[in-house]
Amino acid sequence: MDGMQFKVEMTRDATEDLRLIYEYIADEDGISRANDILDKVLVLIDDLSSFPQRGVYPKELIALGIQEYRQVIIYSYRVIYRSFEQQVIIYLIVDGRRDLQSVLAKRLLAQ
């Protein structure tokens, strides 16, 4: 995959996840902190265009026998995505401290 660039896209749900996380951090810790975290998440997402296989398989999905999704983690946030052909699709951005089993089942298994 050297030199190959993948097109990275976020689903509407993932975009909404990121917006809600930003708003929560801005309310709790201030806009400066929210901007800092947003910038770092966006850099991480952008890096997936060059390194889509860098993520690990989420244990919640491995337990269900599903190995087509990967995750990367920044701070306490999990970015769940799938790569295929020359594309990376981000399905979910969620605080990793939450119980993810139901969120993953609802969001990913419905795809």
Protein backbone atom coordinates (compact mmCIF):
# COMPACT_ATOMS: atom_id res chain seq x y z
CA MET A 1 0.00 0.00 0.00
CA ASP A 2 3.03 2.29 -0.20
CA GLY A 3 2.08 5.56 -1.84
CA MET A 4 -1.54 4.52 -2.32
CA GLN A 5 -4.01 7.13 -1.10
CA PHE A 6 -7.43 6.08 0.11
CA LYS A 7 -10.42 8.38 -0.09
CA VAL A 8 -11.72 8.97 3.46
CA GLU A 9 -15.41 9.69 3.98
CA MET A 10 -17.53 10.05 7.08
CA THR A 11 -21.12 8.89 7.27
CA ARG A 12 -23.74 11.38 8.34
CA ASP A 13 -23.90 9.61 11.70
CA ALA A 14 -20.14 9.91 12.25
CA THR A 15 -20.25 13.60 11.34
CA GLU A 16 -23.05 14.08 13.87
CA ASP A 17 -21.03 12.12 16.46
CA LEU A 18 -18.11 14.50 15.99
CA ARG A 19 -20.36 17.55 16.24
CA LEU A 20 -21.89 16.30 19.50
CA ILE A 21 -18.48 15.49 20.97
CA TYR A 22 -17.24 18.97 20.04
CA GLU A 23 -20.26 20.62 21.65
CA TYR A 24 -19.90 18.54 24.81
CA ILE A 25 -16.21 19.39 25.19
CA ALA A 26 -16.86 23.06 24.45
CA ASP A 27 -19.53 23.14 27.19
CA GLU A 28 -17.44 21.22 29.73
CA ASP A 29 -13.87 22.38 29.02
CA GLY A 30 -14.15 25.40 26.74
CA ILE A 31 -13.94 26.11 23.04
CA SER A 32 -10.15 26.12 22.98
CA ARG A 33 -10.00 22.54 24.31
CA ALA A 34 -12.79 21.46 21.93
CA ASN A 35 -10.89 22.96 18.98
CA ASP A 36 -7.69 21.21 20.06
CA ILE A 37 -9.36 17.80 20.29
CA LEU A 38 -11.28 18.33 17.04
CA ASP A 39 -8.04 19.20 15.23
CA LYS A 40 -6.33 16.06 16.54
CA VAL A 41 -9.28 13.83 15.60
CA LEU A 42 -9.33 15.32 12.09
CA VAL A 43 -5.57 14.73 11.67
CA LEU A 44 -6.03 11.13 12.79
CA ILE A 45 -8.88 10.69 10.31
CA ASP A 46 -6.81 12.27 7.53
CA ASP A 47 -3.93 9.88 8.31
CA LEU A 48 -6.23 6.97 7.47
CA SER A 49 -5.93 8.01 3.81
CA SER A 50 -2.31 6.80 3.90
CA PHE A 51 -2.51 4.13 6.59
CA PRO A 52 -5.99 2.53 6.57
CA GLN A 53 -4.76 -0.73 8.10
CA ARG A 54 -3.29 0.96 11.18
CA GLY A 55 -6.35 0.38 13.32
CA VAL A 56 -7.17 -2.69 15.35
CA TYR A 57 -10.35 -4.74 15.26
CA PRO A 58 -12.85 -3.67 17.97
CA LYS A 59 -13.14 -6.48 20.53
CA GLU A 60 -16.92 -6.06 20.65
CA LEU A 61 -17.14 -6.95 16.97
CA ILE A 62 -14.51 -9.69 17.09
CA ALA A 63 -16.71 -11.37 19.73
CA LEU A 64 -19.48 -11.42 17.11
CA GLY A 65 -17.15 -12.80 14.43
CA ILE A 66 -17.03 -9.51 12.53
CA GLN A 67 -13.60 -8.48 11.27
CA GLU A 68 -14.31 -5.93 8.58
CA TYR A 69 -14.24 -2.87 10.86
CA ARG A 70 -11.22 -1.33 12.55
CA GLN A 71 -10.76 1.36 15.15
CA VAL A 72 -8.22 4.00 16.02
CA ILE A 73 -8.28 5.71 19.38
CA ILE A 74 -7.42 9.28 20.30
CA TYR A 75 -7.83 10.36 23.89
CA SER A 76 -10.93 8.43 24.97
CA TYR A 77 -12.58 8.56 21.54
CA ARG A 78 -12.87 5.57 19.24
CA VAL A 79 -13.09 6.11 15.50
CA ILE A 80 -14.68 3.00 13.94
CA TYR A 81 -14.17 2.56 10.21
CA ARG A 82 -13.96 0.10 7.35
CA SER A 83 -11.57 0.17 4.42
CA PHE A 84 -12.08 -1.47 1.06
CA GLU A 85 -10.82 -0.90 -2.46
CA GLN A 86 -9.40 2.65 -2.23
CA GLN A 87 -11.86 3.97 0.29
CA VAL A 88 -12.14 4.39 4.07
CA ILE A 89 -15.61 4.94 5.52
CA ILE A 90 -15.91 6.20 9.09
CA TYR A 91 -19.10 4.95 10.68
CA LEU A 92 -18.82 5.91 14.31
CA ILE A 93 -16.91 8.27 16.60
CA VAL A 94 -17.73 7.59 20.21
CA ASP A 95 -16.41 8.05 23.72
CA GLY A 96 -14.74 4.74 24.53
CA ARG A 97 -15.95 4.88 28.13
CA ARG A 98 -19.50 4.17 26.95
CA ASP A 99 -20.96 0.70 26.64
CA LEU A 100 -20.40 0.19 22.95
CA GLN A 101 -22.09 -3.15 22.37
CA SER A 102 -25.52 -1.68 21.69
CA VAL A 103 -24.18 1.36 19.80
CA LEU A 104 -22.06 -0.85 17.55
CA ALA A 105 -24.87 -3.30 16.95
CA LYS A 106 -27.37 -0.56 16.14
CA ARG A 107 -25.09 1.50 13.93
CA LEU A 108 -22.82 -0.99 12.20
CA LEU A 109 -24.91 -4.10 11.90
CA ALA A 110 -27.71 -2.08 10.31
CA GLN A 111 -25.40 -1.17 7.39
